[in-house]
Amino acid sequence: MRKFKTIEEFKQSEKNPIIIVLDNIRSLNNVGSFFRTADSFLLEGIYLCGITGKPPHREIEKNSIRSDIISRLEIF
């Protein structure tokens, strides 16, 4: 497992070509967990659709452990 020293080093690392699509996820805790999971597996990004909660939000930040600022995010 590779450890990154800075956020910039993480952003420049090679990502797995997988994008998570979250559509109409009501639980902000679950949204935060997906951000953390995407960062753990070096996934390319997350797409948020429908009524899914969007960062910045306190509940998402609490569960994502600040990985919500690192992941590539697109909102539809």
N, C-alpha and C. Protein backbone atom coordinates (compact mmCIF):
# COMPACT_ATOMS: atom_id res chain seq x y z
N MET A 1 0.84 -1.17 0.00
CA MET A 1 0.00 0.00 0.00
C MET A 1 0.89 1.24 0.00
N ARG A 2 0.62 2.14 -0.90
CA ARG A 2 1.41 3.35 -1.00
C ARG A 2 0.79 4.45 -0.14
N LYS A 3 1.62 5.15 0.59
CA LYS A 3 1.15 6.27 1.40
C LYS A 3 1.59 7.57 0.74
N PHE A 4 0.65 8.49 0.66
CA PHE A 4 0.92 9.79 0.05
C PHE A 4 1.19 10.81 1.15
N LYS A 5 2.17 11.66 0.92
CA LYS A 5 2.53 12.66 1.91
C LYS A 5 1.72 13.94 1.77
N THR A 6 1.29 14.25 0.55
CA THR A 6 0.53 15.48 0.33
C THR A 6 -0.70 15.20 -0.52
N ILE A 7 -1.65 16.12 -0.46
CA ILE A 7 -2.85 16.00 -1.29
C ILE A 7 -2.49 16.09 -2.76
N GLU A 8 -1.54 16.97 -3.10
CA GLU A 8 -1.12 17.10 -4.50
C GLU A 8 -0.52 15.80 -5.03
N GLU A 9 0.26 15.13 -4.22
CA GLU A 9 0.84 13.84 -4.62
C GLU A 9 -0.26 12.83 -4.89
N PHE A 10 -1.29 12.83 -4.05
CA PHE A 10 -2.43 11.93 -4.25
C PHE A 10 -3.16 12.26 -5.54
N LYS A 11 -3.43 13.54 -5.78
CA LYS A 11 -4.16 13.95 -6.98
C LYS A 11 -3.42 13.59 -8.25
N GLN A 12 -2.10 13.59 -8.23
CA GLN A 12 -1.31 13.30 -9.42
C GLN A 12 -1.06 11.81 -9.62
N SER A 13 -1.42 10.99 -8.65
CA SER A 13 -1.18 9.55 -8.77
C SER A 13 -2.11 8.94 -9.81
N GLU A 14 -1.71 7.79 -10.33
CA GLU A 14 -2.51 7.09 -11.33
C GLU A 14 -3.74 6.49 -10.66
N LYS A 15 -4.92 6.74 -11.25
CA LYS A 15 -6.18 6.26 -10.69
C LYS A 15 -6.71 5.06 -11.47
N ASN A 16 -7.51 4.25 -10.80
CA ASN A 16 -8.21 3.16 -11.46
C ASN A 16 -9.37 3.75 -12.26
N PRO A 17 -9.60 3.31 -13.48
CA PRO A 17 -10.62 3.92 -14.34
C PRO A 17 -12.04 3.50 -13.97
N ILE A 18 -12.41 3.75 -12.74
CA ILE A 18 -13.74 3.41 -12.23
C ILE A 18 -14.36 4.68 -11.65
N ILE A 19 -15.62 4.92 -12.00
CA ILE A 19 -16.35 6.07 -11.46
C ILE A 19 -17.59 5.55 -10.73
N ILE A 20 -17.80 6.03 -9.52
CA ILE A 20 -18.99 5.67 -8.74
C ILE A 20 -20.09 6.67 -9.07
N VAL A 21 -21.30 6.17 -9.37
CA VAL A 21 -22.45 7.03 -9.61
C VAL A 21 -23.42 6.85 -8.45
N LEU A 22 -23.69 7.94 -7.72
CA LEU A 22 -24.64 7.91 -6.61
C LEU A 22 -25.90 8.63 -7.05
N ASP A 23 -27.00 7.92 -7.15
CA ASP A 23 -28.25 8.49 -7.63
C ASP A 23 -29.32 8.38 -6.54
N ASN A 24 -29.79 9.52 -6.07
CA ASN A 24 -30.86 9.59 -5.07
C ASN A 24 -30.53 8.87 -3.77
N ILE A 25 -29.32 9.05 -3.27
CA ILE A 25 -28.91 8.50 -1.98
C ILE A 25 -29.29 9.53 -0.91
N ARG A 26 -30.21 9.17 -0.02
CA ARG A 26 -30.71 10.11 0.98
C ARG A 26 -29.76 10.27 2.17
N SER A 27 -29.08 9.22 2.52
CA SER A 27 -28.24 9.26 3.72
C SER A 27 -26.91 9.95 3.44
N LEU A 28 -26.69 11.07 4.10
CA LEU A 28 -25.43 11.79 3.94
C LEU A 28 -24.26 10.99 4.50
N ASN A 29 -24.52 10.16 5.49
CA ASN A 29 -23.47 9.29 6.04
C ASN A 29 -22.97 8.32 4.98
N ASN A 30 -23.89 7.77 4.20
CA ASN A 30 -23.49 6.84 3.14
C ASN A 30 -22.72 7.55 2.04
N VAL A 31 -23.11 8.77 1.71
CA VAL A 31 -22.39 9.55 0.70
C VAL A 31 -20.95 9.76 1.14
N GLY A 32 -20.76 10.13 2.40
CA GLY A 32 -19.41 10.32 2.94
C GLY A 32 -18.59 9.05 2.89
N SER A 33 -19.23 7.93 3.15
CA SER A 33 -18.53 6.64 3.10
C SER A 33 -18.06 6.31 1.70
N PHE A 34 -18.85 6.67 0.69
CA PHE A 34 -18.44 6.44 -0.69
C PHE A 34 -17.23 7.28 -1.06
N PHE A 35 -17.16 8.52 -0.57
CA PHE A 35 -15.98 9.35 -0.82
C PHE A 35 -14.73 8.68 -0.23
N ARG A 36 -14.85 8.18 0.97
CA ARG A 36 -13.72 7.54 1.63
C ARG A 36 -13.31 6.27 0.87
N THR A 37 -14.29 5.50 0.43
CA THR A 37 -14.01 4.28 -0.33
C THR A 37 -13.33 4.59 -1.66
N ALA A 38 -13.82 5.62 -2.35
CA ALA A 38 -13.22 6.00 -3.64
C ALA A 38 -11.76 6.38 -3.47
N ASP A 39 -11.45 7.09 -2.40
CA ASP A 39 -10.05 7.47 -2.16
C ASP A 39 -9.21 6.26 -1.77
N SER A 40 -9.78 5.35 -1.02
CA SER A 40 -9.03 4.16 -0.59
C SER A 40 -8.60 3.29 -1.78
N PHE A 41 -9.48 3.18 -2.77
CA PHE A 41 -9.19 2.33 -3.92
C PHE A 41 -8.66 3.11 -5.12
N LEU A 42 -8.32 4.39 -4.91
CA LEU A 42 -7.79 5.25 -5.97
C LEU A 42 -8.70 5.23 -7.21
N LEU A 43 -10.00 5.41 -6.99
CA LEU A 43 -10.94 5.44 -8.10
C LEU A 43 -10.90 6.81 -8.77
N GLU A 44 -11.29 6.84 -10.02
CA GLU A 44 -11.20 8.06 -10.81
C GLU A 44 -12.09 9.18 -10.28
N GLY A 45 -13.29 8.86 -9.79
CA GLY A 45 -14.15 9.92 -9.28
C GLY A 45 -15.52 9.45 -8.86
N ILE A 46 -16.36 10.43 -8.51
CA ILE A 46 -17.73 10.18 -8.06
C ILE A 46 -18.65 11.14 -8.78
N TYR A 47 -19.77 10.62 -9.28
CA TYR A 47 -20.82 11.45 -9.88
C TYR A 47 -22.01 11.42 -8.94
N LEU A 48 -22.55 12.60 -8.61
CA LEU A 48 -23.72 12.71 -7.75
C LEU A 48 -24.91 13.13 -8.60
N CYS A 49 -26.02 12.39 -8.47
CA CYS A 49 -27.21 12.67 -9.27
C CYS A 49 -28.45 12.73 -8.38
N GLY A 50 -29.48 13.37 -8.89
CA GLY A 50 -30.76 13.41 -8.19
C GLY A 50 -30.69 14.16 -6.87
N ILE A 51 -31.32 13.58 -5.84
CA ILE A 51 -31.40 14.23 -4.53
C ILE A 51 -30.23 13.89 -3.61
N THR A 52 -29.23 13.24 -4.16
CA THR A 52 -28.06 12.87 -3.36
C THR A 52 -27.43 14.12 -2.75
N GLY A 53 -27.10 14.05 -1.45
CA GLY A 53 -26.47 15.18 -0.77
C GLY A 53 -25.14 15.53 -1.39
N LYS A 54 -24.82 16.81 -1.37
CA LYS A 54 -23.60 17.30 -2.01
C LYS A 54 -22.72 18.03 -1.02
N PRO A 55 -21.40 17.84 -1.11
CA PRO A 55 -20.50 18.59 -0.23
C PRO A 55 -20.47 20.06 -0.64
N PRO A 56 -20.14 20.97 0.20
CA PRO A 56 -19.76 20.74 1.59
C PRO A 56 -20.99 20.59 2.48
N HIS A 57 -20.97 19.59 3.31
CA HIS A 57 -22.02 19.35 4.29
C HIS A 57 -21.38 18.66 5.49
N ARG A 58 -21.79 19.04 6.66
CA ARG A 58 -21.16 18.54 7.89
C ARG A 58 -21.22 17.01 8.00
N GLU A 59 -22.36 16.41 7.68
CA GLU A 59 -22.49 14.95 7.79
C GLU A 59 -21.61 14.21 6.79
N ILE A 60 -21.49 14.74 5.58
CA ILE A 60 -20.63 14.12 4.57
C ILE A 60 -19.18 14.23 5.01
N GLU A 61 -18.78 15.40 5.47
CA GLU A 61 -17.39 15.61 5.90
C GLU A 61 -17.03 14.71 7.09
N LYS A 62 -17.98 14.51 7.99
CA LYS A 62 -17.72 13.68 9.17
C LYS A 62 -17.39 12.24 8.77
N ASN A 63 -18.13 11.70 7.81
CA ASN A 63 -17.93 10.30 7.42
C ASN A 63 -16.87 10.11 6.35
N SER A 64 -16.59 11.14 5.59
CA SER A 64 -15.58 10.98 4.54
C SER A 64 -14.17 11.20 5.07
N ILE A 65 -14.06 11.72 6.27
CA ILE A 65 -12.77 12.03 6.89
C ILE A 65 -11.95 12.91 5.95
N ARG A 66 -12.59 13.94 5.45
CA ARG A 66 -12.00 14.98 4.59
C ARG A 66 -11.56 14.46 3.21
N SER A 67 -11.93 13.25 2.84
CA SER A 67 -11.58 12.80 1.49
C SER A 67 -12.53 13.40 0.45
N ASP A 68 -13.59 14.10 0.91
CA ASP A 68 -14.49 14.75 -0.03
C ASP A 68 -13.82 15.91 -0.76
N ILE A 69 -12.72 16.42 -0.23
CA ILE A 69 -12.01 17.51 -0.90
C ILE A 69 -10.97 16.96 -1.89
N ILE A 70 -10.72 15.67 -1.85
CA ILE A 70 -9.69 15.06 -2.66
C ILE A 70 -10.26 14.42 -3.92
N SER A 71 -11.40 13.74 -3.81
CA SER A 71 -11.97 13.01 -4.93
C SER A 71 -12.44 13.92 -6.06
N ARG A 72 -12.32 13.42 -7.27
CA ARG A 72 -12.90 14.14 -8.42
C ARG A 72 -14.42 14.02 -8.30
N LEU A 73 -15.10 15.13 -8.35
CA LEU A 73 -16.54 15.16 -8.11
C LEU A 73 -17.23 15.89 -9.25
N GLU A 74 -18.31 15.28 -9.74
CA GLU A 74 -19.16 15.95 -10.73
C GLU A 74 -20.60 15.81 -10.26
N ILE A 75 -21.34 16.92 -10.39
CA ILE A 75 -22.73 16.94 -9.94
C ILE A 75 -23.64 17.13 -11.14
N PHE A 76 -24.66 16.27 -11.24
CA PHE A 76 -25.62 16.34 -12.36
C PHE A 76 -27.00 16.65 -11.82
